[in-house]
Amino acid sequence: MLAAIAIALPPSSHFIYIPVISLLGIVLGFMLGAKATKDAIAFEARKAAEREARRAERAAKRASPES
């Protein structure tokens, strides 16, 4: 005898749960990505400022008369 396998539809809450979780993932990903981008931009700006300070320091050493 062959047993018939019944394929049941998912409950109606499933049609609400999956889109909500997907939307939550998109929103959280956007927020975390924006924060990471701001941090990276700030880091690059700080590196550029430090690089410019070192460059100015070297230029000042070259311009000063050595005793």
N, C-alpha and C. Protein backbone atom coordinates (compact mmCIF):
# COMPACT_ATOMS: atom_id res chain seq x y z
N MET A 1 0.83 -1.18 0.00
CA MET A 1 0.00 0.00 0.00
C MET A 1 0.88 1.25 0.00
N LEU A 2 0.51 2.19 -0.81
CA LEU A 2 1.23 3.45 -0.84
C LEU A 2 0.56 4.46 0.08
N ALA A 3 1.39 5.08 0.86
CA ALA A 3 0.84 6.10 1.77
C ALA A 3 0.86 7.45 1.05
N ALA A 4 -0.22 8.10 1.10
CA ALA A 4 -0.31 9.43 0.47
C ALA A 4 0.30 10.45 1.41
N ILE A 5 1.18 11.25 0.84
CA ILE A 5 1.83 12.30 1.64
C ILE A 5 1.08 13.59 1.39
N ALA A 6 0.56 14.11 2.44
CA ALA A 6 -0.20 15.36 2.32
C ALA A 6 0.76 16.54 2.47
N ILE A 7 0.72 17.43 1.51
CA ILE A 7 1.55 18.64 1.57
C ILE A 7 0.65 19.76 2.07
N ALA A 8 0.93 20.19 3.27
CA ALA A 8 0.09 21.22 3.87
C ALA A 8 0.65 22.61 3.56
N LEU A 9 -0.22 23.53 3.44
CA LEU A 9 0.20 24.92 3.27
C LEU A 9 0.73 25.46 4.59
N PRO A 10 1.70 26.36 4.54
CA PRO A 10 2.17 26.94 5.80
C PRO A 10 1.07 27.79 6.44
N PRO A 11 1.15 27.97 7.72
CA PRO A 11 0.12 28.78 8.39
C PRO A 11 0.16 30.23 7.89
N SER A 12 -0.93 30.94 8.08
CA SER A 12 -1.02 32.31 7.59
C SER A 12 0.01 33.22 8.27
N SER A 13 0.40 32.91 9.48
CA SER A 13 1.41 33.73 10.17
C SER A 13 2.74 33.68 9.43
N HIS A 14 2.96 32.63 8.68
CA HIS A 14 4.19 32.48 7.90
C HIS A 14 4.31 33.58 6.85
N PHE A 15 3.19 33.97 6.27
CA PHE A 15 3.18 35.00 5.23
C PHE A 15 3.42 36.39 5.80
N ILE A 16 3.33 36.54 7.09
CA ILE A 16 3.65 37.81 7.76
C ILE A 16 5.07 37.75 8.30
N TYR A 17 5.45 36.64 8.90
CA TYR A 17 6.74 36.49 9.57
C TYR A 17 7.91 36.64 8.60
N ILE A 18 7.87 35.97 7.48
CA ILE A 18 9.00 35.97 6.55
C ILE A 18 9.27 37.36 5.98
N PRO A 19 8.28 38.10 5.47
CA PRO A 19 8.57 39.46 4.98
C PRO A 19 9.06 40.41 6.08
N VAL A 20 8.52 40.26 7.28
CA VAL A 20 8.95 41.13 8.38
C VAL A 20 10.41 40.87 8.72
N ILE A 21 10.80 39.64 8.80
CA ILE A 21 12.18 39.29 9.11
C ILE A 21 13.11 39.75 7.98
N SER A 22 12.68 39.59 6.74
CA SER A 22 13.49 40.06 5.61
C SER A 22 13.67 41.58 5.66
N LEU A 23 12.60 42.29 5.92
CA LEU A 23 12.67 43.75 6.02
C LEU A 23 13.56 44.18 7.18
N LEU A 24 13.46 43.49 8.30
CA LEU A 24 14.31 43.78 9.45
C LEU A 24 15.79 43.58 9.10
N GLY A 25 16.09 42.52 8.37
CA GLY A 25 17.47 42.28 7.95
C GLY A 25 17.98 43.37 7.03
N ILE A 26 17.14 43.83 6.12
CA ILE A 26 17.55 44.90 5.20
C ILE A 26 17.81 46.19 5.97
N VAL A 27 16.92 46.53 6.89
CA VAL A 27 17.07 47.77 7.67
C VAL A 27 18.33 47.70 8.54
N LEU A 28 18.51 46.60 9.25
CA LEU A 28 19.70 46.47 10.10
C LEU A 28 20.98 46.49 9.27
N GLY A 29 20.98 45.84 8.14
CA GLY A 29 22.14 45.84 7.26
C GLY A 29 22.46 47.24 6.77
N PHE A 30 21.44 48.01 6.42
CA PHE A 30 21.64 49.38 5.97
C PHE A 30 22.23 50.23 7.09
N MET A 31 21.68 50.09 8.29
CA MET A 31 22.17 50.89 9.43
C MET A 31 23.61 50.54 9.77
N LEU A 32 23.93 49.26 9.84
CA LEU A 32 25.29 48.85 10.19
C LEU A 32 26.27 49.22 9.07
N GLY A 33 25.83 49.12 7.83
CA GLY A 33 26.69 49.50 6.71
C GLY A 33 26.97 50.98 6.70
N ALA A 34 25.96 51.80 7.03
CA ALA A 34 26.15 53.25 7.08
C ALA A 34 27.13 53.62 8.19
N LYS A 35 27.02 52.95 9.34
CA LYS A 35 27.93 53.22 10.45
C LYS A 35 29.36 52.83 10.09
N ALA A 36 29.52 51.70 9.45
CA ALA A 36 30.85 51.24 9.05
C ALA A 36 31.46 52.20 8.02
N THR A 37 30.63 52.72 7.13
CA THR A 37 31.12 53.67 6.13
C THR A 37 31.56 54.97 6.79
N LYS A 38 30.77 55.47 7.74
CA LYS A 38 31.16 56.70 8.44
C LYS A 38 32.46 56.50 9.20
N ASP A 39 32.60 55.35 9.86
CA ASP A 39 33.83 55.05 10.59
C ASP A 39 35.03 54.99 9.65
N ALA A 40 34.86 54.38 8.49
CA ALA A 40 35.95 54.28 7.53
C ALA A 40 36.35 55.65 6.99
N ILE A 41 35.37 56.50 6.73
CA ILE A 41 35.67 57.86 6.25
C ILE A 41 36.40 58.65 7.31
N ALA A 42 35.97 58.55 8.57
CA ALA A 42 36.65 59.25 9.67
C ALA A 42 38.08 58.74 9.84
N PHE A 43 38.27 57.43 9.71
CA PHE A 43 39.60 56.85 9.84
C PHE A 43 40.52 57.37 8.74
N GLU A 44 40.03 57.40 7.51
CA GLU A 44 40.83 57.90 6.39
C GLU A 44 41.16 59.38 6.57
N ALA A 45 40.21 60.16 7.07
CA ALA A 45 40.46 61.59 7.30
C ALA A 45 41.54 61.77 8.38
N ARG A 46 41.46 60.96 9.43
CA ARG A 46 42.46 61.05 10.50
C ARG A 46 43.84 60.66 9.99
N LYS A 47 43.89 59.61 9.16
CA LYS A 47 45.17 59.21 8.58
C LYS A 47 45.74 60.31 7.69
N ALA A 48 44.89 60.95 6.90
CA ALA A 48 45.35 62.02 6.02
C ALA A 48 45.87 63.20 6.83
N ALA A 49 45.20 63.53 7.92
CA ALA A 49 45.64 64.64 8.77
C ALA A 49 46.99 64.31 9.41
N GLU A 50 47.16 63.09 9.89
CA GLU A 50 48.43 62.69 10.49
C GLU A 50 49.54 62.71 9.44
N ARG A 51 49.24 62.25 8.24
CA ARG A 51 50.22 62.24 7.16
C ARG A 51 50.64 63.68 6.81
N GLU A 52 49.67 64.58 6.76
CA GLU A 52 49.97 65.98 6.46
C GLU A 52 50.79 66.61 7.58
N ALA A 53 50.51 66.25 8.83
CA ALA A 53 51.28 66.78 9.97
C ALA A 53 52.73 66.29 9.88
N ARG A 54 52.94 65.03 9.54
CA ARG A 54 54.31 64.52 9.41
C ARG A 54 55.03 65.21 8.26
N ARG A 55 54.32 65.42 7.16
CA ARG A 55 54.91 66.09 6.00
C ARG A 55 55.31 67.53 6.36
N ALA A 56 54.46 68.24 7.12
CA ALA A 56 54.77 69.61 7.53
C ALA A 56 55.95 69.63 8.50
N GLU A 57 56.01 68.62 9.37
CA GLU A 57 57.12 68.53 10.31
C GLU A 57 58.44 68.32 9.57
N ARG A 58 58.43 67.44 8.58
CA ARG A 58 59.64 67.22 7.79
C ARG A 58 60.05 68.48 7.03
N ALA A 59 59.07 69.18 6.48
CA ALA A 59 59.36 70.41 5.74
C ALA A 59 59.94 71.47 6.67
N ALA A 60 59.44 71.55 7.90
CA ALA A 60 59.94 72.53 8.87
C ALA A 60 61.38 72.19 9.27
N LYS A 61 61.68 70.88 9.41
CA LYS A 61 63.04 70.49 9.75
C LYS A 61 64.01 70.84 8.64
N ARG A 62 63.58 70.67 7.39
CA ARG A 62 64.45 70.99 6.26
C ARG A 62 64.68 72.49 6.15
N ALA A 63 63.67 73.28 6.46
CA ALA A 63 63.76 74.74 6.31
C ALA A 63 64.54 75.39 7.44
N SER A 64 64.56 74.77 8.60
CA SER A 64 65.26 75.39 9.74
C SER A 64 66.77 75.25 9.57
N PRO A 65 67.51 76.31 9.93
CA PRO A 65 68.97 76.21 9.84
C PRO A 65 69.50 75.25 10.90
N GLU A 66 70.31 74.36 10.48
CA GLU A 66 70.86 73.37 11.43
C GLU A 66 72.11 73.96 12.07
N SER A 67 72.21 73.84 13.38
CA SER A 67 73.35 74.40 14.10
C SER A 67 74.42 73.37 14.30
